[in-house]
Amino acid sequence: MLDTAEPLEGTRTGGAATIEREEQRQLIEPGDHERFAHYVRKEKIMESAMTGEPVIALCGKVWTPGRDPQRFPVCPQCKEIYESMRGGKDDDGGQD
């Protein structure tokens, strides 16, 4: 008598296979598509991390930082204000 739990040697079972891969999830929360990375003084970010007090960005947004700013585009208003404060110089120190 044959054991039906084991396939016969040399037979195939439809060609299905399991592919293992690491799942990489980026945690996206509701409203993330509306979020920006804002400009705030570094010392204010550190102070907020210690006290839990909100910070105020150059554009006027008030919030308590808690997400990785690398995941979001830079706030266009903050960028414009920052660049005007620097005198219109670009990254290499030249004029725009």
PDB file of N, CA and C in Angstrom:
ATOM      1  N   MET A   1       0.832  -1.173   0.000  1.00  0.00           N
ATOM      2  CA  MET A   1       0.000   0.000   0.000  1.00  0.00           C
ATOM      3  C   MET A   1       0.886   1.249   0.000  1.00  0.00           C
ATOM      4  N   LEU A   2       0.494   2.252  -0.769  1.00  0.00           N
ATOM      5  CA  LEU A   2       1.248   3.495  -0.866  1.00  0.00           C
ATOM      6  C   LEU A   2       0.808   4.479   0.208  1.00  0.00           C
ATOM      7  N   ASP A   3       1.777   5.274   0.710  1.00  0.00           N
ATOM      8  CA  ASP A   3       1.472   6.344   1.663  1.00  0.00           C
ATOM      9  C   ASP A   3       1.093   7.569   0.835  1.00  0.00           C
ATOM     10  N   THR A   4      -0.132   8.047   0.943  1.00  0.00           N
ATOM     11  CA  THR A   4      -0.605   9.153   0.103  1.00  0.00           C
ATOM     12  C   THR A   4      -0.092  10.515   0.562  1.00  0.00           C
ATOM     13  N   ALA A   5       0.514  10.605   1.731  1.00  0.00           N
ATOM     14  CA  ALA A   5       1.047  11.881   2.203  1.00  0.00           C
ATOM     15  C   ALA A   5       2.342  12.240   1.489  1.00  0.00           C
ATOM     16  N   GLU A   6       3.035  11.279   0.925  1.00  0.00           N
ATOM     17  CA  GLU A   6       4.299  11.507   0.238  1.00  0.00           C
ATOM     18  C   GLU A   6       4.076  11.326  -1.258  1.00  0.00           C
ATOM     19  N   PRO A   7       4.491  12.286  -2.088  1.00  0.00           N
ATOM     20  CA  PRO A   7       4.333  12.091  -3.532  1.00  0.00           C
ATOM     21  C   PRO A   7       5.291  11.013  -4.024  1.00  0.00           C
ATOM     22  N   LEU A   8       4.908  10.362  -5.095  1.00  0.00           N
ATOM     23  CA  LEU A   8       5.769   9.351  -5.689  1.00  0.00           C
ATOM     24  C   LEU A   8       7.013  10.015  -6.247  1.00  0.00           C
ATOM     25  N   GLU A   9       8.112   9.319  -6.143  1.00  0.00           N
ATOM     26  CA  GLU A   9       9.371   9.852  -6.641  1.00  0.00           C
ATOM     27  C   GLU A   9       9.253  10.104  -8.136  1.00  0.00           C
ATOM     28  N   GLY A  10       9.725  11.287  -8.568  1.00  0.00           N
ATOM     29  CA  GLY A  10       9.677  11.609  -9.989  1.00  0.00           C
ATOM     30  C   GLY A  10       8.389  12.287 -10.420  1.00  0.00           C
ATOM     31  N   THR A  11       7.424  12.442  -9.546  1.00  0.00           N
ATOM     32  CA  THR A  11       6.187  13.128  -9.928  1.00  0.00           C
ATOM     33  C   THR A  11       6.244  14.577  -9.473  1.00  0.00           C
ATOM     34  N   ARG A  12       5.509  15.408 -10.145  1.00  0.00           N
ATOM     35  CA  ARG A  12       5.451  16.831  -9.799  1.00  0.00           C
ATOM     36  C   ARG A  12       4.042  17.168  -9.345  1.00  0.00           C
ATOM     37  N   THR A  13       3.948  18.219  -8.544  1.00  0.00           N
ATOM     38  CA  THR A  13       2.645  18.566  -7.972  1.00  0.00           C
ATOM     39  C   THR A  13       2.171  19.942  -8.432  1.00  0.00           C
ATOM     40  N   GLY A  14       2.177  20.222  -9.700  1.00  0.00           N
ATOM     41  CA  GLY A  14       1.584  21.441 -10.218  1.00  0.00           C
ATOM     42  C   GLY A  14       2.511  22.643 -10.334  1.00  0.00           C
ATOM     43  N   GLY A  15       3.724  22.557  -9.891  1.00  0.00           N
ATOM     44  CA  GLY A  15       4.675  23.634 -10.084  1.00  0.00           C
ATOM     45  C   GLY A  15       4.539  24.811  -9.135  1.00  0.00           C
ATOM     46  N   ALA A  16       3.767  24.714  -8.096  1.00  0.00           N
ATOM     47  CA  ALA A  16       3.659  25.809  -7.132  1.00  0.00           C
ATOM     48  C   ALA A  16       4.877  25.812  -6.221  1.00  0.00           C
ATOM     49  N   ALA A  17       5.336  26.994  -5.875  1.00  0.00           N
ATOM     50  CA  ALA A  17       6.488  27.112  -4.991  1.00  0.00           C
ATOM     51  C   ALA A  17       6.267  28.286  -4.046  1.00  0.00           C
ATOM     52  N   THR A  18       6.926  28.229  -2.933  1.00  0.00           N
ATOM     53  CA  THR A  18       6.860  29.326  -1.976  1.00  0.00           C
ATOM     54  C   THR A  18       8.140  30.129  -2.082  1.00  0.00           C
ATOM     55  N   ILE A  19       7.986  31.415  -2.256  1.00  0.00           N
ATOM     56  CA  ILE A  19       9.141  32.302  -2.319  1.00  0.00           C
ATOM     57  C   ILE A  19       9.179  33.083  -1.019  1.00  0.00           C
ATOM     58  N   GLU A  20      10.305  32.977  -0.337  1.00  0.00           N
ATOM     59  CA  GLU A  20      10.444  33.720   0.907  1.00  0.00           C
ATOM     60  C   GLU A  20      11.208  34.999   0.633  1.00  0.00           C
ATOM     61  N   ARG A  21      10.737  36.086   1.218  1.00  0.00           N
ATOM     62  CA  ARG A  21      11.423  37.363   1.085  1.00  0.00           C
ATOM     63  C   ARG A  21      11.163  38.177   2.337  1.00  0.00           C
ATOM     64  N   GLU A  22      12.057  39.087   2.579  1.00  0.00           N
ATOM     65  CA  GLU A  22      11.860  39.960   3.725  1.00  0.00           C
ATOM     66  C   GLU A  22      10.823  41.002   3.362  1.00  0.00           C
ATOM     67  N   GLU A  23       9.907  41.213   4.262  1.00  0.00           N
ATOM     68  CA  GLU A  23       8.891  42.225   4.036  1.00  0.00           C
ATOM     69  C   GLU A  23       9.401  43.545   4.585  1.00  0.00           C
ATOM     70  N   GLN A  24       9.382  44.556   3.746  1.00  0.00           N
ATOM     71  CA  GLN A  24       9.822  45.874   4.173  1.00  0.00           C
ATOM     72  C   GLN A  24       8.620  46.799   4.146  1.00  0.00           C
ATOM     73  N   ARG A  25       8.162  47.140   5.314  1.00  0.00           N
ATOM     74  CA  ARG A  25       7.023  48.038   5.412  1.00  0.00           C
ATOM     75  C   ARG A  25       7.492  49.419   5.818  1.00  0.00           C
ATOM     76  N   GLN A  26       6.948  50.403   5.164  1.00  0.00           N
ATOM     77  CA  GLN A  26       7.182  51.768   5.585  1.00  0.00           C
ATOM     78  C   GLN A  26       5.910  52.180   6.303  1.00  0.00           C
ATOM     79  N   LEU A  27       6.069  52.526   7.554  1.00  0.00           N
ATOM     80  CA  LEU A  27       4.904  52.880   8.334  1.00  0.00           C
ATOM     81  C   LEU A  27       4.346  54.205   7.840  1.00  0.00           C
ATOM     82  N   ILE A  28       3.187  54.130   7.254  1.00  0.00           N
ATOM     83  CA  ILE A  28       2.520  55.318   6.748  1.00  0.00           C
ATOM     84  C   ILE A  28       1.257  55.497   7.563  1.00  0.00           C
ATOM     85  N   GLU A  29       1.087  56.676   8.055  1.00  0.00           N
ATOM     86  CA  GLU A  29      -0.069  56.968   8.879  1.00  0.00           C
ATOM     87  C   GLU A  29      -1.033  57.843   8.100  1.00  0.00           C
ATOM     88  N   PRO A  30      -2.294  57.862   8.505  1.00  0.00           N
ATOM     89  CA  PRO A  30      -3.262  58.724   7.827  1.00  0.00           C
ATOM     90  C   PRO A  30      -2.783  60.175   7.824  1.00  0.00           C
ATOM     91  N   GLY A  31      -2.879  60.811   6.679  1.00  0.00           N
ATOM     92  CA  GLY A  31      -2.482  62.208   6.559  1.00  0.00           C
ATOM     93  C   GLY A  31      -1.026  62.414   6.192  1.00  0.00           C
ATOM     94  N   ASP A  32      -0.230  61.340   6.088  1.00  0.00           N
ATOM     95  CA  ASP A  32       1.188  61.491   5.764  1.00  0.00           C
ATOM     96  C   ASP A  32       1.392  62.164   4.407  1.00  0.00           C
ATOM     97  N   HIS A  33       0.454  61.977   3.481  1.00  0.00           N
ATOM     98  CA  HIS A  33       0.608  62.601   2.164  1.00  0.00           C
ATOM     99  C   HIS A  33       0.532  64.122   2.246  1.00  0.00           C
ATOM    100  N   GLU A  34       0.031  64.654   3.364  1.00  0.00           N
ATOM    101  CA  GLU A  34      -0.073  66.097   3.562  1.00  0.00           C
ATOM    102  C   GLU A  34       1.077  66.639   4.404  1.00  0.00           C
ATOM    103  N   ARG A  35       1.974  65.799   4.842  1.00  0.00           N
ATOM    104  CA  ARG A  35       3.019  66.205   5.781  1.00  0.00           C
ATOM    105  C   ARG A  35       4.274  66.678   5.063  1.00  0.00           C
ATOM    106  N   PHE A  36       4.973  67.583   5.752  1.00  0.00           N
ATOM    107  CA  PHE A  36       6.241  68.098   5.258  1.00  0.00           C
ATOM    108  C   PHE A  36       7.264  68.060   6.378  1.00  0.00           C
ATOM    109  N   ALA A  37       8.527  68.090   5.997  1.00  0.00           N
ATOM    110  CA  ALA A  37       9.617  68.290   6.950  1.00  0.00           C
ATOM    111  C   ALA A  37       9.805  69.800   7.058  1.00  0.00           C
ATOM    112  N   HIS A  38       9.676  70.328   8.260  1.00  0.00           N
ATOM    113  CA  HIS A  38       9.731  71.771   8.480  1.00  0.00           C
ATOM    114  C   HIS A  38      11.076  72.194   9.049  1.00  0.00           C
ATOM    115  N   TYR A  39      11.408  73.473   8.867  1.00  0.00           N
ATOM    116  CA  TYR A  39      12.643  74.038   9.407  1.00  0.00           C
ATOM    117  C   TYR A  39      12.386  74.576  10.807  1.00  0.00           C
ATOM    118  N   VAL A  40      13.164  74.065  11.766  1.00  0.00           N
ATOM    119  CA  VAL A  40      13.104  74.497  13.163  1.00  0.00           C
ATOM    120  C   VAL A  40      14.540  74.478  13.677  1.00  0.00           C
ATOM    121  N   ARG A  41      14.874  75.375  14.590  1.00  0.00           N
ATOM    122  CA  ARG A  41      16.220  75.380  15.179  1.00  0.00           C
ATOM    123  C   ARG A  41      16.478  74.049  15.880  1.00  0.00           C
ATOM    124  N   LYS A  42      17.689  73.522  15.717  1.00  0.00           N
ATOM    125  CA  LYS A  42      18.044  72.225  16.307  1.00  0.00           C
ATOM    126  C   LYS A  42      17.848  72.213  17.811  1.00  0.00           C
ATOM    127  N   GLU A  43      18.227  73.303  18.481  1.00  0.00           N
ATOM    128  CA  GLU A  43      18.086  73.329  19.941  1.00  0.00           C
ATOM    129  C   GLU A  43      16.618  73.262  20.362  1.00  0.00           C
ATOM    130  N   LYS A  44      15.720  73.781  19.522  1.00  0.00           N
ATOM    131  CA  LYS A  44      14.286  73.707  19.836  1.00  0.00           C
ATOM    132  C   LYS A  44      13.778  72.269  19.685  1.00  0.00           C
ATOM    133  N   ILE A  45      14.310  71.556  18.710  1.00  0.00           N
ATOM    134  CA  ILE A  45      13.936  70.144  18.528  1.00  0.00           C
ATOM    135  C   ILE A  45      14.378  69.339  19.746  1.00  0.00           C
ATOM    136  N   MET A  46      15.609  69.568  20.195  1.00  0.00           N
ATOM    137  CA  MET A  46      16.133  68.852  21.364  1.00  0.00           C
ATOM    138  C   MET A  46      15.315  69.191  22.612  1.00  0.00           C
ATOM    139  N   GLU A  47      14.998  70.459  22.774  1.00  0.00           N
ATOM    140  CA  GLU A  47      14.201  70.889  23.919  1.00  0.00           C
ATOM    141  C   GLU A  47      12.826  70.225  23.890  1.00  0.00           C
ATOM    142  N   SER A  48      12.229  70.153  22.712  1.00  0.00           N
ATOM    143  CA  SER A  48      10.923  69.522  22.571  1.00  0.00           C
ATOM    144  C   SER A  48      10.989  68.037  22.908  1.00  0.00           C
ATOM    145  N   ALA A  49      12.092  67.389  22.513  1.00  0.00           N
ATOM    146  CA  ALA A  49      12.260  65.964  22.817  1.00  0.00           C
ATOM    147  C   ALA A  49      12.323  65.732  24.323  1.00  0.00           C
ATOM    148  N   MET A  50      12.904  66.686  25.043  1.00  0.00           N
ATOM    149  CA  MET A  50      13.041  66.544  26.500  1.00  0.00           C
ATOM    150  C   MET A  50      11.759  66.915  27.247  1.00  0.00           C
ATOM    151  N   THR A  51      11.081  67.958  26.773  1.00  0.00           N
ATOM    152  CA  THR A  51       9.932  68.491  27.515  1.00  0.00           C
ATOM    153  C   THR A  51       8.583  68.075  26.956  1.00  0.00           C
ATOM    154  N   GLY A  52       8.552  67.705  25.674  1.00  0.00           N
ATOM    155  CA  GLY A  52       7.280  67.378  25.043  1.00  0.00           C
ATOM    156  C   GLY A  52       6.516  68.611  24.575  1.00  0.00           C
ATOM    157  N   GLU A  53       7.145  69.782  24.719  1.00  0.00           N
ATOM    158  CA  GLU A  53       6.517  71.028  24.279  1.00  0.00           C
ATOM    159  C   GLU A  53       6.566  71.126  22.754  1.00  0.00           C
ATOM    160  N   PRO A  54       5.540  71.714  22.142  1.00  0.00           N
ATOM    161  CA  PRO A  54       5.554  71.871  20.687  1.00  0.00           C
ATOM    162  C   PRO A  54       6.585  72.904  20.234  1.00  0.00           C
ATOM    163  N   VAL A  55       6.952  72.822  18.958  1.00  0.00           N
ATOM    164  CA  VAL A  55       7.878  73.766  18.339  1.00  0.00           C
ATOM    165  C   VAL A  55       7.127  74.565  17.277  1.00  0.00           C
ATOM    166  N   ILE A  56       7.742  75.670  16.847  1.00  0.00           N
ATOM    167  CA  ILE A  56       7.144  76.496  15.799  1.00  0.00           C
ATOM    168  C   ILE A  56       8.124  76.548  14.631  1.00  0.00           C
ATOM    169  N   ALA A  57       7.670  76.101  13.468  1.00  0.00           N
ATOM    170  CA  ALA A  57       8.504  76.105  12.260  1.00  0.00           C
ATOM    171  C   ALA A  57       8.562  77.507  11.669  1.00  0.00           C
ATOM    172  N   LEU A  58       9.480  77.718  10.740  1.00  0.00           N
ATOM    173  CA  LEU A  58       9.592  79.013  10.074  1.00  0.00           C
ATOM    174  C   LEU A  58       8.282  79.434   9.416  1.00  0.00           C
ATOM    175  N   CYS A  59       7.539  78.467   8.898  1.00  0.00           N
ATOM    176  CA  CYS A  59       6.284  78.770   8.208  1.00  0.00           C
ATOM    177  C   CYS A  59       5.141  79.057   9.177  1.00  0.00           C
ATOM    178  N   GLY A  60       5.374  78.826  10.476  1.00  0.00           N
ATOM    179  CA  GLY A  60       4.339  79.080  11.473  1.00  0.00           C
ATOM    180  C   GLY A  60       3.644  77.831  11.989  1.00  0.00           C
ATOM    181  N   LYS A  61       3.908  76.695  11.396  1.00  0.00           N
ATOM    182  CA  LYS A  61       3.278  75.455  11.866  1.00  0.00           C
ATOM    183  C   LYS A  61       3.759  75.151  13.279  1.00  0.00           C
ATOM    184  N   VAL A  62       2.804  74.797  14.148  1.00  0.00           N
ATOM    185  CA  VAL A  62       3.106  74.433  15.527  1.00  0.00           C
ATOM    186  C   VAL A  62       2.791  72.951  15.686  1.00  0.00           C
ATOM    187  N   TRP A  63       3.753  72.167  16.166  1.00  0.00           N
ATOM    188  CA  TRP A  63       3.546  70.737  16.368  1.00  0.00           C
ATOM    189  C   TRP A  63       4.617  70.180  17.281  1.00  0.00           C
ATOM    190  N   THR A  64       4.383  68.975  17.756  1.00  0.00           N
ATOM    191  CA  THR A  64       5.371  68.266  18.562  1.00  0.00           C
ATOM    192  C   THR A  64       6.051  67.246  17.654  1.00  0.00           C
ATOM    193  N   PRO A  65       7.343  67.421  17.382  1.00  0.00           N
ATOM    194  CA  PRO A  65       8.039  66.505  16.478  1.00  0.00           C
ATOM    195  C   PRO A  65       8.023  65.071  17.006  1.00  0.00           C
ATOM    196  N   GLY A  66       7.892  64.128  16.086  1.00  0.00           N
ATOM    197  CA  GLY A  66       7.889  62.735  16.501  1.00  0.00           C
ATOM    198  C   GLY A  66       8.118  61.772  15.352  1.00  0.00           C
ATOM    199  N   ARG A  67       8.106  62.267  14.127  1.00  0.00           N
ATOM    200  CA  ARG A  67       8.310  61.407  12.963  1.00  0.00           C
ATOM    201  C   ARG A  67       9.653  61.715  12.316  1.00  0.00           C
ATOM    202  N   ASP A  68      10.137  60.769  11.552  1.00  0.00           N
ATOM    203  CA  ASP A  68      11.405  60.925  10.845  1.00  0.00           C
ATOM    204  C   ASP A  68      11.222  61.924   9.701  1.00  0.00           C
ATOM    205  N   PRO A  69      11.863  63.092   9.767  1.00  0.00           N
ATOM    206  CA  PRO A  69      11.664  64.095   8.718  1.00  0.00           C
ATOM    207  C   PRO A  69      12.215  63.665   7.358  1.00  0.00           C
ATOM    208  N   GLN A  70      13.085  62.661   7.330  1.00  0.00           N
ATOM    209  CA  GLN A  70      13.641  62.183   6.062  1.00  0.00           C
ATOM    210  C   GLN A  70      12.575  61.544   5.180  1.00  0.00           C
ATOM    211  N   ARG A  71      11.449  61.156   5.775  1.00  0.00           N
ATOM    212  CA  ARG A  71      10.378  60.496   5.014  1.00  0.00           C
ATOM    213  C   ARG A  71       9.485  61.478   4.267  1.00  0.00           C
ATOM    214  N   PHE A  72       9.666  62.776   4.505  1.00  0.00           N
ATOM    215  CA  PHE A  72       8.747  63.752   3.944  1.00  0.00           C
ATOM    216  C   PHE A  72       9.485  64.809   3.132  1.00  0.00           C
ATOM    217  N   PRO A  73       8.799  65.403   2.160  1.00  0.00           N
ATOM    218  CA  PRO A  73       9.424  66.493   1.403  1.00  0.00           C
ATOM    219  C   PRO A  73       9.538  67.739   2.275  1.00  0.00           C
ATOM    220  N   VAL A  74      10.476  68.612   1.934  1.00  0.00           N
ATOM    221  CA  VAL A  74      10.674  69.847   2.690  1.00  0.00           C
ATOM    222  C   VAL A  74       9.499  70.789   2.429  1.00  0.00           C
ATOM    223  N   CYS A  75       9.035  71.426   3.482  1.00  0.00           N
ATOM    224  CA  CYS A  75       7.948  72.399   3.379  1.00  0.00           C
ATOM    225  C   CYS A  75       8.393  73.539   2.461  1.00  0.00           C
ATOM    226  N   PRO A  76       7.647  73.815   1.399  1.00  0.00           N
ATOM    227  CA  PRO A  76       8.060  74.867   0.474  1.00  0.00           C
ATOM    228  C   PRO A  76       8.104  76.251   1.128  1.00  0.00           C
ATOM    229  N   GLN A  77       7.192  76.522   2.054  1.00  0.00           N
ATOM    230  CA  GLN A  77       7.196  77.824   2.734  1.00  0.00           C
ATOM    231  C   GLN A  77       8.424  77.966   3.626  1.00  0.00           C
ATOM    232  N   CYS A  78       8.737  76.925   4.393  1.00  0.00           N
ATOM    233  CA  CYS A  78       9.924  76.964   5.250  1.00  0.00           C
ATOM    234  C   CYS A  78      11.178  77.171   4.411  1.00  0.00           C
ATOM    235  N   LYS A  79      11.271  76.450   3.300  1.00  0.00           N
ATOM    236  CA  LYS A  79      12.448  76.544   2.438  1.00  0.00           C
ATOM    237  C   LYS A  79      12.603  77.953   1.883  1.00  0.00           C
ATOM    238  N   GLU A  80      11.504  78.524   1.432  1.00  0.00           N
ATOM    239  CA  GLU A  80      11.541  79.882   0.883  1.00  0.00           C
ATOM    240  C   GLU A  80      11.977  80.894   1.945  1.00  0.00           C
ATOM    241  N   ILE A  81      11.433  80.786   3.139  1.00  0.00           N
ATOM    242  CA  ILE A  81      11.791  81.696   4.230  1.00  0.00           C
ATOM    243  C   ILE A  81      13.258  81.517   4.601  1.00  0.00           C
ATOM    244  N   TYR A  82      13.701  80.272   4.728  1.00  0.00           N
ATOM    245  CA  TYR A  82      15.093  79.993   5.085  1.00  0.00           C
ATOM    246  C   TYR A  82      16.057  80.582   4.054  1.00  0.00           C
ATOM    247  N   GLU A  83      15.747  80.366   2.778  1.00  0.00           N
ATOM    248  CA  GLU A  83      16.616  80.881   1.720  1.00  0.00           C
ATOM    249  C   GLU A  83      16.647  82.399   1.709  1.00  0.00           C
ATOM    250  N   SER A  84      15.533  83.049   2.009  1.00  0.00           N
ATOM    251  CA  SER A  84      15.523  84.516   2.050  1.00  0.00           C
ATOM    252  C   SER A  84      16.328  85.028   3.243  1.00  0.00           C
ATOM    253  N   MET A  85      16.360  84.267   4.332  1.00  0.00           N
ATOM    254  CA  MET A  85      17.141  84.648   5.510  1.00  0.00           C
ATOM    255  C   MET A  85      18.637  84.521   5.232  1.00  0.00           C
ATOM    256  N   ARG A  86      19.006  83.590   4.387  1.00  0.00           N
ATOM    257  CA  ARG A  86      20.415  83.358   4.044  1.00  0.00           C
ATOM    258  C   ARG A  86      20.902  84.341   2.994  1.00  0.00           C
ATOM    259  N   GLY A  87      20.044  85.208   2.517  1.00  0.00           N
ATOM    260  CA  GLY A  87      20.444  86.193   1.522  1.00  0.00           C
ATOM    261  C   GLY A  87      20.436  85.671   0.103  1.00  0.00           C
ATOM    262  N   GLY A  88      19.677  84.603  -0.161  1.00  0.00           N
ATOM    263  CA  GLY A  88      19.558  84.069  -1.513  1.00  0.00           C
ATOM    264  C   GLY A  88      20.739  83.252  -1.970  1.00  0.00           C
ATOM    265  N   LYS A  89      21.633  82.867  -1.050  1.00  0.00           N
ATOM    266  CA  LYS A  89      22.786  82.047  -1.426  1.00  0.00           C
ATOM    267  C   LYS A  89      22.358  80.596  -1.565  1.00  0.00           C
ATOM    268  N   ASP A  90      22.919  79.912  -2.564  1.00  0.00           N
ATOM    269  CA  ASP A  90      22.640  78.487  -2.702  1.00  0.00           C
ATOM    270  C   ASP A  90      23.650  77.687  -1.887  1.00  0.00           C
ATOM    271  N   ASP A  91      23.630  76.383  -1.991  1.00  0.00           N
ATOM    272  CA  ASP A  91      24.449  75.503  -1.155  1.00  0.00           C
ATOM    273  C   ASP A  91      25.952  75.730  -1.295  1.00  0.00           C
ATOM    274  N   ASP A  92      26.413  76.166  -2.470  1.00  0.00           N
ATOM    275  CA  ASP A  92      27.854  76.353  -2.637  1.00  0.00           C
ATOM    276  C   ASP A  92      28.305  77.774  -2.300  1.00  0.00           C
ATOM    277  N   GLY A  93      27.405  78.576  -1.747  1.00  0.00           N
ATOM    278  CA  GLY A  93      27.761  79.914  -1.300  1.00  0.00           C
ATOM    279  C   GLY A  93      27.600  80.986  -2.359  1.00  0.00           C
ATOM    280  N   GLY A  94      27.244  80.606  -3.586  1.00  0.00           N
ATOM    281  CA  GLY A  94      27.047  81.581  -4.651  1.00  0.00           C
ATOM    282  C   GLY A  94      25.647  82.173  -4.612  1.00  0.00           C
ATOM    283  N   GLN A  95      25.423  83.159  -5.443  1.00  0.00           N
ATOM    284  CA  GLN A  95      24.101  83.773  -5.540  1.00  0.00           C
ATOM    285  C   GLN A  95      23.238  82.952  -6.485  1.00  0.00           C
ATOM    286  N   ASP A  96      21.923  82.982  -6.262  1.00  0.00           N
ATOM    287  CA  ASP A  96      20.982  82.289  -7.148  1.00  0.00           C
ATOM    288  C   ASP A  96      20.950  82.914  -8.521  1.00  0.00           C
TER     289      ASP A  96
END
